[in-house]
Amino acid sequence: RRRDLVKQVKVEIEKSKISCRNVRQKSNDELKRIGWR
């Protein structure tokens, strides 16, 4: 169960990282579109 929990925590953290990266990329694209990047 300990090993499963470690895997589960890593999965949740990676999901959060991917979500933040996607937000950052969308923001960069939008700032570039309006000429303010």
ModelCIF file with pLDDT and N, C-alpha, C, O atoms, coordinates in Angstrom:
data_MODEL
#
_entry.id   MODEL 
#
_entity.id                         1 
_entity.type                       polymer 
_entity.pdbx_number_of_molecules   1 
#
_entity_poly.entity_id                      1 
_entity_poly.type                           'polypeptide(L)' 
_entity_poly.nstd_linkage                   no 
_entity_poly.nstd_monomer                   no 
_entity_poly.pdbx_seq_one_letter_code       RRRDLVKQVKVEIEKSKISCRNVRQKSNDELKRIGWR 
_entity_poly.pdbx_seq_one_letter_code_can   RRRDLVKQVKVEIEKSKISCRNVRQKSNDELKRIGWR 
_entity_poly.pdbx_strand_id                 A 
#
loop_
_entity_poly_seq.entity_id 
_entity_poly_seq.num 
_entity_poly_seq.mon_id 
_entity_poly_seq.hetero 
1 1  ARG n 
1 2  ARG n 
1 3  ARG n 
1 4  ASP n 
1 5  LEU n 
1 6  VAL n 
1 7  LYS n 
1 8  GLN n 
1 9  VAL n 
1 10 LYS n 
1 11 VAL n 
1 12 GLU n 
1 13 ILE n 
1 14 GLU n 
1 15 LYS n 
1 16 SER n 
1 17 LYS n 
1 18 ILE n 
1 19 SER n 
1 20 CYS n 
1 21 ARG n 
1 22 ASN n 
1 23 VAL n 
1 24 ARG n 
1 25 GLN n 
1 26 LYS n 
1 27 SER n 
1 28 ASN n 
1 29 ASP n 
1 30 GLU n 
1 31 LEU n 
1 32 LYS n 
1 33 ARG n 
1 34 ILE n 
1 35 GLY n 
1 36 TRP n 
1 37 ARG n 
#
_struct_asym.id          A 
_struct_asym.entity_id   1 
#
loop_
_ma_qa_metric.id 
_ma_qa_metric.mode 
_ma_qa_metric.name 
_ma_qa_metric.software_group_id 
_ma_qa_metric.type 
1 global pLDDT . pLDDT 
2 local  pLDDT . pLDDT 
#
_ma_qa_metric_global.metric_id      1 
_ma_qa_metric_global.metric_value   84.38 
_ma_qa_metric_global.model_id       1 
_ma_qa_metric_global.ordinal_id     1 
#
loop_
_ma_qa_metric_local.label_asym_id 
_ma_qa_metric_local.label_comp_id 
_ma_qa_metric_local.label_seq_id 
_ma_qa_metric_local.metric_id 
_ma_qa_metric_local.metric_value 
_ma_qa_metric_local.model_id 
_ma_qa_metric_local.ordinal_id 
A ARG 1  2 73.00 1 1  
A ARG 2  2 75.00 1 2  
A ARG 3  2 80.00 1 3  
A ASP 4  2 80.00 1 4  
A LEU 5  2 80.00 1 5  
A VAL 6  2 83.00 1 6  
A LYS 7  2 85.00 1 7  
A GLN 8  2 84.00 1 8  
A VAL 9  2 88.00 1 9  
A LYS 10 2 89.00 1 10 
A VAL 11 2 89.00 1 11 
A GLU 12 2 89.00 1 12 
A ILE 13 2 90.00 1 13 
A GLU 14 2 91.00 1 14 
A LYS 15 2 90.00 1 15 
A SER 16 2 90.00 1 16 
A LYS 17 2 91.00 1 17 
A ILE 18 2 92.00 1 18 
A SER 19 2 90.00 1 19 
A CYS 20 2 89.00 1 20 
A ARG 21 2 89.00 1 21 
A ASN 22 2 90.00 1 22 
A VAL 23 2 89.00 1 23 
A ARG 24 2 86.00 1 24 
A GLN 25 2 87.00 1 25 
A LYS 26 2 87.00 1 26 
A SER 27 2 86.00 1 27 
A ASN 28 2 84.00 1 28 
A ASP 29 2 86.00 1 29 
A GLU 30 2 83.00 1 30 
A LEU 31 2 81.00 1 31 
A LYS 32 2 80.00 1 32 
A ARG 33 2 80.00 1 33 
A ILE 34 2 77.00 1 34 
A GLY 35 2 76.00 1 35 
A TRP 36 2 73.00 1 36 
A ARG 37 2 70.00 1 37 
#
loop_
_atom_site.group_PDB 
_atom_site.id 
_atom_site.type_symbol 
_atom_site.label_atom_id 
_atom_site.label_alt_id 
_atom_site.label_comp_id 
_atom_site.label_asym_id 
_atom_site.label_entity_id 
_atom_site.label_seq_id 
_atom_site.pdbx_PDB_ins_code 
_atom_site.Cartn_x 
_atom_site.Cartn_y 
_atom_site.Cartn_z 
_atom_site.occupancy 
_atom_site.B_iso_or_equiv 
_atom_site.pdbx_formal_charge 
_atom_site.auth_seq_id 
_atom_site.auth_comp_id 
_atom_site.auth_asym_id 
_atom_site.auth_atom_id 
_atom_site.pdbx_PDB_model_num 
ATOM 1   N N  . ARG A 1 1  ? 0.829  -1.203 0.000   1.00 73.00 ? 1  ARG A N  1 
ATOM 2   C CA . ARG A 1 1  ? 0.000  0.000  0.000   1.00 73.00 ? 1  ARG A CA 1 
ATOM 3   C C  . ARG A 1 1  ? 0.867  1.258  0.000   1.00 73.00 ? 1  ARG A C  1 
ATOM 4   O O  . ARG A 1 1  ? 0.511  2.247  -0.641  1.00 73.00 ? 1  ARG A O  1 
ATOM 5   N N  . ARG A 1 2  ? 1.986  1.237  0.700   1.00 75.00 ? 2  ARG A N  1 
ATOM 6   C CA . ARG A 1 2  ? 2.895  2.377  0.721   1.00 75.00 ? 2  ARG A CA 1 
ATOM 7   C C  . ARG A 1 2  ? 3.410  2.690  -0.684  1.00 75.00 ? 2  ARG A C  1 
ATOM 8   O O  . ARG A 1 2  ? 3.456  3.847  -1.101  1.00 75.00 ? 2  ARG A O  1 
ATOM 9   N N  . ARG A 1 3  ? 3.793  1.638  -1.401  1.00 80.00 ? 3  ARG A N  1 
ATOM 10  C CA . ARG A 1 3  ? 4.298  1.837  -2.765  1.00 80.00 ? 3  ARG A CA 1 
ATOM 11  C C  . ARG A 1 3  ? 3.208  2.417  -3.659  1.00 80.00 ? 3  ARG A C  1 
ATOM 12  O O  . ARG A 1 3  ? 3.470  3.287  -4.491  1.00 80.00 ? 3  ARG A O  1 
ATOM 13  N N  . ASP A 1 4  ? 1.983  1.929  -3.480  1.00 80.00 ? 4  ASP A N  1 
ATOM 14  C CA . ASP A 1 4  ? 0.868  2.447  -4.280  1.00 80.00 ? 4  ASP A CA 1 
ATOM 15  C C  . ASP A 1 4  ? 0.608  3.922  -3.989  1.00 80.00 ? 4  ASP A C  1 
ATOM 16  O O  . ASP A 1 4  ? 0.308  4.703  -4.892  1.00 80.00 ? 4  ASP A O  1 
ATOM 17  N N  . LEU A 1 5  ? 0.728  4.291  -2.710  1.00 80.00 ? 5  LEU A N  1 
ATOM 18  C CA . LEU A 1 5  ? 0.495  5.685  -2.334  1.00 80.00 ? 5  LEU A CA 1 
ATOM 19  C C  . LEU A 1 5  ? 1.547  6.614  -2.928  1.00 80.00 ? 5  LEU A C  1 
ATOM 20  O O  . LEU A 1 5  ? 1.229  7.715  -3.375  1.00 80.00 ? 5  LEU A O  1 
ATOM 21  N N  . VAL A 1 6  ? 2.799  6.168  -2.931  1.00 83.00 ? 6  VAL A N  1 
ATOM 22  C CA . VAL A 1 6  ? 3.869  6.968  -3.522  1.00 83.00 ? 6  VAL A CA 1 
ATOM 23  C C  . VAL A 1 6  ? 3.586  7.211  -5.003  1.00 83.00 ? 6  VAL A C  1 
ATOM 24  O O  . VAL A 1 6  ? 3.756  8.322  -5.503  1.00 83.00 ? 6  VAL A O  1 
ATOM 25  N N  . LYS A 1 7  ? 3.157  6.168  -5.689  1.00 85.00 ? 7  LYS A N  1 
ATOM 26  C CA . LYS A 1 7  ? 2.818  6.307  -7.110  1.00 85.00 ? 7  LYS A CA 1 
ATOM 27  C C  . LYS A 1 7  ? 1.647  7.271  -7.290  1.00 85.00 ? 7  LYS A C  1 
ATOM 28  O O  . LYS A 1 7  ? 1.644  8.104  -8.196  1.00 85.00 ? 7  LYS A O  1 
ATOM 29  N N  . GLN A 1 8  ? 0.652  7.142  -6.407  1.00 84.00 ? 8  GLN A N  1 
ATOM 30  C CA . GLN A 1 8  ? -0.527 7.997  -6.516  1.00 84.00 ? 8  GLN A CA 1 
ATOM 31  C C  . GLN A 1 8  ? -0.174 9.467  -6.304  1.00 84.00 ? 8  GLN A C  1 
ATOM 32  O O  . GLN A 1 8  ? -0.678 10.338 -7.013  1.00 84.00 ? 8  GLN A O  1 
ATOM 33  N N  . VAL A 1 9  ? 0.693  9.742  -5.325  1.00 88.00 ? 9  VAL A N  1 
ATOM 34  C CA . VAL A 1 9  ? 1.121  11.120 -5.057  1.00 88.00 ? 9  VAL A CA 1 
ATOM 35  C C  . VAL A 1 9  ? 1.866  11.681 -6.260  1.00 88.00 ? 9  VAL A C  1 
ATOM 36  O O  . VAL A 1 9  ? 1.628  12.818 -6.667  1.00 88.00 ? 9  VAL A O  1 
ATOM 37  N N  . LYS A 1 10 ? 2.761  10.891 -6.826  1.00 89.00 ? 10 LYS A N  1 
ATOM 38  C CA . LYS A 1 10 ? 3.523  11.349 -7.997  1.00 89.00 ? 10 LYS A CA 1 
ATOM 39  C C  . LYS A 1 10 ? 2.593  11.668 -9.159  1.00 89.00 ? 10 LYS A C  1 
ATOM 40  O O  . LYS A 1 10 ? 2.798  12.650 -9.874  1.00 89.00 ? 10 LYS A O  1 
ATOM 41  N N  . VAL A 1 11 ? 1.568  10.838 -9.349  1.00 89.00 ? 11 VAL A N  1 
ATOM 42  C CA . VAL A 1 11 ? 0.618  11.066 -10.439 1.00 89.00 ? 11 VAL A CA 1 
ATOM 43  C C  . VAL A 1 11 ? -0.128 12.386 -10.232 1.00 89.00 ? 11 VAL A C  1 
ATOM 44  O O  . VAL A 1 11 ? -0.282 13.167 -11.171 1.00 89.00 ? 11 VAL A O  1 
ATOM 45  N N  . GLU A 1 12 ? -0.596 12.637 -8.992  1.00 89.00 ? 12 GLU A N  1 
ATOM 46  C CA . GLU A 1 12 ? -1.341 13.868 -8.711  1.00 89.00 ? 12 GLU A CA 1 
ATOM 47  C C  . GLU A 1 12 ? -0.462 15.104 -8.895  1.00 89.00 ? 12 GLU A C  1 
ATOM 48  O O  . GLU A 1 12 ? -0.914 16.115 -9.433  1.00 89.00 ? 12 GLU A O  1 
ATOM 49  N N  . ILE A 1 13 ? 0.786  15.025 -8.452  1.00 90.00 ? 13 ILE A N  1 
ATOM 50  C CA . ILE A 1 13 ? 1.703  16.160 -8.592  1.00 90.00 ? 13 ILE A CA 1 
ATOM 51  C C  . ILE A 1 13 ? 1.996  16.432 -10.065 1.00 90.00 ? 13 ILE A C  1 
ATOM 52  O O  . ILE A 1 13 ? 2.033  17.586 -10.493 1.00 90.00 ? 13 ILE A O  1 
ATOM 53  N N  . GLU A 1 14 ? 2.201  15.378 -10.829 1.00 91.00 ? 14 GLU A N  1 
ATOM 54  C CA . GLU A 1 14 ? 2.494  15.549 -12.249 1.00 91.00 ? 14 GLU A CA 1 
ATOM 55  C C  . GLU A 1 14 ? 1.295  16.150 -12.982 1.00 91.00 ? 14 GLU A C  1 
ATOM 56  O O  . GLU A 1 14 ? 1.467  16.973 -13.882 1.00 91.00 ? 14 GLU A O  1 
ATOM 57  N N  . LYS A 1 15 ? 0.083  15.742 -12.602 1.00 90.00 ? 15 LYS A N  1 
ATOM 58  C CA . LYS A 1 15 ? -1.116 16.336 -13.201 1.00 90.00 ? 15 LYS A CA 1 
ATOM 59  C C  . LYS A 1 15 ? -1.166 17.833 -12.939 1.00 90.00 ? 15 LYS A C  1 
ATOM 60  O O  . LYS A 1 15 ? -1.501 18.617 -13.827 1.00 90.00 ? 15 LYS A O  1 
ATOM 61  N N  . SER A 1 16 ? -0.833 18.223 -11.722 1.00 90.00 ? 16 SER A N  1 
ATOM 62  C CA . SER A 1 16 ? -0.852 19.637 -11.371 1.00 90.00 ? 16 SER A CA 1 
ATOM 63  C C  . SER A 1 16 ? 0.221  20.408 -12.145 1.00 90.00 ? 16 SER A C  1 
ATOM 64  O O  . SER A 1 16 ? -0.025 21.521 -12.608 1.00 90.00 ? 16 SER A O  1 
ATOM 65  N N  . LYS A 1 17 ? 1.414  19.811 -12.283 1.00 91.00 ? 17 LYS A N  1 
ATOM 66  C CA . LYS A 1 17 ? 2.479  20.455 -13.049 1.00 91.00 ? 17 LYS A CA 1 
ATOM 67  C C  . LYS A 1 17 ? 2.055  20.673 -14.501 1.00 91.00 ? 17 LYS A C  1 
ATOM 68  O O  . LYS A 1 17 ? 2.253  21.750 -15.065 1.00 91.00 ? 17 LYS A O  1 
ATOM 69  N N  . ILE A 1 18 ? 1.472  19.642 -15.089 1.00 92.00 ? 18 ILE A N  1 
ATOM 70  C CA . ILE A 1 18 ? 1.042  19.742 -16.490 1.00 92.00 ? 18 ILE A CA 1 
ATOM 71  C C  . ILE A 1 18 ? -0.016 20.827 -16.638 1.00 92.00 ? 18 ILE A C  1 
ATOM 72  O O  . ILE A 1 18 ? 0.001  21.597 -17.598 1.00 92.00 ? 18 ILE A O  1 
ATOM 73  N N  . SER A 1 19 ? -0.940 20.884 -15.677 1.00 90.00 ? 19 SER A N  1 
ATOM 74  C CA . SER A 1 19 ? -1.991 21.898 -15.728 1.00 90.00 ? 19 SER A CA 1 
ATOM 75  C C  . SER A 1 19 ? -1.406 23.296 -15.673 1.00 90.00 ? 19 SER A C  1 
ATOM 76  O O  . SER A 1 19 ? -1.823 24.170 -16.432 1.00 90.00 ? 19 SER A O  1 
ATOM 77  N N  . CYS A 1 20 ? -0.439 23.522 -14.775 1.00 89.00 ? 20 CYS A N  1 
ATOM 78  C CA . CYS A 1 20 ? 0.187  24.847 -14.656 1.00 89.00 ? 20 CYS A CA 1 
ATOM 79  C C  . CYS A 1 20 ? 0.992  25.192 -15.911 1.00 89.00 ? 20 CYS A C  1 
ATOM 80  O O  . CYS A 1 20 ? 0.990  26.338 -16.360 1.00 89.00 ? 20 CYS A O  1 
ATOM 81  N N  . ARG A 1 21 ? 1.679  24.196 -16.472 1.00 89.00 ? 21 ARG A N  1 
ATOM 82  C CA . ARG A 1 21 ? 2.447  24.440 -17.706 1.00 89.00 ? 21 ARG A CA 1 
ATOM 83  C C  . ARG A 1 21 ? 1.513  24.836 -18.844 1.00 89.00 ? 21 ARG A C  1 
ATOM 84  O O  . ARG A 1 21 ? 1.827  25.727 -19.634 1.00 89.00 ? 21 ARG A O  1 
ATOM 85  N N  . ASN A 1 22 ? 0.372  24.173 -18.921 1.00 90.00 ? 22 ASN A N  1 
ATOM 86  C CA . ASN A 1 22 ? -0.590 24.490 -19.986 1.00 90.00 ? 22 ASN A CA 1 
ATOM 87  C C  . ASN A 1 22 ? -1.120 25.907 -19.833 1.00 90.00 ? 22 ASN A C  1 
ATOM 88  O O  . ASN A 1 22 ? -1.275 26.632 -20.816 1.00 90.00 ? 22 ASN A O  1 
ATOM 89  N N  . VAL A 1 23 ? -1.398 26.297 -18.592 1.00 89.00 ? 23 VAL A N  1 
ATOM 90  C CA . VAL A 1 23 ? -1.870 27.659 -18.344 1.00 89.00 ? 23 VAL A CA 1 
ATOM 91  C C  . VAL A 1 23 ? -0.801 28.663 -18.746 1.00 89.00 ? 23 VAL A C  1 
ATOM 92  O O  . VAL A 1 23 ? -1.100 29.672 -19.385 1.00 89.00 ? 23 VAL A O  1 
ATOM 93  N N  . ARG A 1 24 ? 0.445  28.388 -18.373 1.00 86.00 ? 24 ARG A N  1 
ATOM 94  C CA . ARG A 1 24 ? 1.544  29.295 -18.709 1.00 86.00 ? 24 ARG A CA 1 
ATOM 95  C C  . ARG A 1 24 ? 1.706  29.423 -20.215 1.00 86.00 ? 24 ARG A C  1 
ATOM 96  O O  . ARG A 1 24 ? 1.913  30.521 -20.732 1.00 86.00 ? 24 ARG A O  1 
ATOM 97  N N  . GLN A 1 25 ? 1.613  28.305 -20.912 1.00 87.00 ? 25 GLN A N  1 
ATOM 98  C CA . GLN A 1 25 ? 1.772  28.343 -22.366 1.00 87.00 ? 25 GLN A CA 1 
ATOM 99  C C  . GLN A 1 25 ? 0.657  29.147 -23.026 1.00 87.00 ? 25 GLN A C  1 
ATOM 100 O O  . GLN A 1 25 ? 0.906  29.936 -23.938 1.00 87.00 ? 25 GLN A O  1 
ATOM 101 N N  . LYS A 1 26 ? -0.578 28.940 -22.556 1.00 87.00 ? 26 LYS A N  1 
ATOM 102 C CA . LYS A 1 26 ? -1.704 29.700 -23.115 1.00 87.00 ? 26 LYS A CA 1 
ATOM 103 C C  . LYS A 1 26 ? -1.532 31.194 -22.855 1.00 87.00 ? 26 LYS A C  1 
ATOM 104 O O  . LYS A 1 26 ? -1.836 32.019 -23.716 1.00 87.00 ? 26 LYS A O  1 
ATOM 105 N N  . SER A 1 27 ? -1.045 31.533 -21.667 1.00 86.00 ? 27 SER A N  1 
ATOM 106 C CA . SER A 1 27 ? -0.837 32.943 -21.334 1.00 86.00 ? 27 SER A CA 1 
ATOM 107 C C  . SER A 1 27 ? 0.251  33.549 -22.203 1.00 86.00 ? 27 SER A C  1 
ATOM 108 O O  . SER A 1 27 ? 0.101  34.667 -22.695 1.00 86.00 ? 27 SER A O  1 
ATOM 109 N N  . ASN A 1 28 ? 1.346  32.822 -22.398 1.00 84.00 ? 28 ASN A N  1 
ATOM 110 C CA . ASN A 1 28 ? 2.423  33.308 -23.266 1.00 84.00 ? 28 ASN A CA 1 
ATOM 111 C C  . ASN A 1 28 ? 1.935  33.516 -24.691 1.00 84.00 ? 28 ASN A C  1 
ATOM 112 O O  . ASN A 1 28 ? 2.277  34.505 -25.339 1.00 84.00 ? 28 ASN A O  1 
ATOM 113 N N  . ASP A 1 29 ? 1.132  32.573 -25.168 1.00 86.00 ? 29 ASP A N  1 
ATOM 114 C CA . ASP A 1 29 ? 0.593  32.694 -26.534 1.00 86.00 ? 29 ASP A CA 1 
ATOM 115 C C  . ASP A 1 29 ? -0.298 33.927 -26.654 1.00 86.00 ? 29 ASP A C  1 
ATOM 116 O O  . ASP A 1 29 ? -0.259 34.641 -27.656 1.00 86.00 ? 29 ASP A O  1 
ATOM 117 N N  . GLU A 1 30 ? -1.106 34.168 -25.613 1.00 83.00 ? 30 GLU A N  1 
ATOM 118 C CA . GLU A 1 30 ? -2.011 35.313 -25.659 1.00 83.00 ? 30 GLU A CA 1 
ATOM 119 C C  . GLU A 1 30 ? -1.241 36.635 -25.576 1.00 83.00 ? 30 GLU A C  1 
ATOM 120 O O  . GLU A 1 30 ? -1.572 37.587 -26.281 1.00 83.00 ? 30 GLU A O  1 
ATOM 121 N N  . LEU A 1 31 ? -0.212 36.699 -24.715 1.00 81.00 ? 31 LEU A N  1 
ATOM 122 C CA . LEU A 1 31 ? 0.605  37.903 -24.624 1.00 81.00 ? 31 LEU A CA 1 
ATOM 123 C C  . LEU A 1 31 ? 1.348  38.161 -25.936 1.00 81.00 ? 31 LEU A C  1 
ATOM 124 O O  . LEU A 1 31 ? 1.521  39.308 -26.347 1.00 81.00 ? 31 LEU A O  1 
ATOM 125 N N  . LYS A 1 32 ? 1.776  37.096 -26.576 1.00 80.00 ? 32 LYS A N  1 
ATOM 126 C CA . LYS A 1 32 ? 2.453  37.240 -27.876 1.00 80.00 ? 32 LYS A CA 1 
ATOM 127 C C  . LYS A 1 32 ? 1.472  37.751 -28.923 1.00 80.00 ? 32 LYS A C  1 
ATOM 128 O O  . LYS A 1 32 ? 1.827  38.572 -29.770 1.00 80.00 ? 32 LYS A O  1 
ATOM 129 N N  . ARG A 1 33 ? 0.222  37.256 -28.859 1.00 80.00 ? 33 ARG A N  1 
ATOM 130 C CA . ARG A 1 33 ? -0.784 37.660 -29.844 1.00 80.00 ? 33 ARG A CA 1 
ATOM 131 C C  . ARG A 1 33 ? -1.078 39.148 -29.776 1.00 80.00 ? 33 ARG A C  1 
ATOM 132 O O  . ARG A 1 33 ? -1.265 39.800 -30.803 1.00 80.00 ? 33 ARG A O  1 
ATOM 133 N N  . ILE A 1 34 ? -1.119 39.688 -28.547 1.00 77.00 ? 34 ILE A N  1 
ATOM 134 C CA . ILE A 1 34 ? -1.436 41.110 -28.406 1.00 77.00 ? 34 ILE A CA 1 
ATOM 135 C C  . ILE A 1 34 ? -0.182 41.986 -28.390 1.00 77.00 ? 34 ILE A C  1 
ATOM 136 O O  . ILE A 1 34 ? -0.258 43.196 -28.175 1.00 77.00 ? 34 ILE A O  1 
ATOM 137 N N  . GLY A 1 35 ? 0.972  41.357 -28.621 1.00 76.00 ? 35 GLY A N  1 
ATOM 138 C CA . GLY A 1 35 ? 2.208  42.122 -28.769 1.00 76.00 ? 35 GLY A CA 1 
ATOM 139 C C  . GLY A 1 35 ? 2.862  42.554 -27.482 1.00 76.00 ? 35 GLY A C  1 
ATOM 140 O O  . GLY A 1 35 ? 3.589  43.547 -27.463 1.00 76.00 ? 35 GLY A O  1 
ATOM 141 N N  . TRP A 1 36 ? 2.617  41.821 -26.385 1.00 73.00 ? 36 TRP A N  1 
ATOM 142 C CA . TRP A 1 36 ? 3.170  42.230 -25.093 1.00 73.00 ? 36 TRP A CA 1 
ATOM 143 C C  . TRP A 1 36 ? 4.000  41.152 -24.416 1.00 73.00 ? 36 TRP A C  1 
ATOM 144 O O  . TRP A 1 36 ? 4.257  41.233 -23.215 1.00 73.00 ? 36 TRP A O  1 
ATOM 145 N N  . ARG A 1 37 ? 4.414  40.162 -25.157 1.00 70.00 ? 37 ARG A N  1 
ATOM 146 C CA . ARG A 1 37 ? 5.239  39.137 -24.531 1.00 70.00 ? 37 ARG A CA 1 
ATOM 147 C C  . ARG A 1 37 ? 6.662  39.642 -24.303 1.00 70.00 ? 37 ARG A C  1 
ATOM 148 O O  . ARG A 1 37 ? 7.501  38.908 -23.781 1.00 70.00 ? 37 ARG A O  1 
#
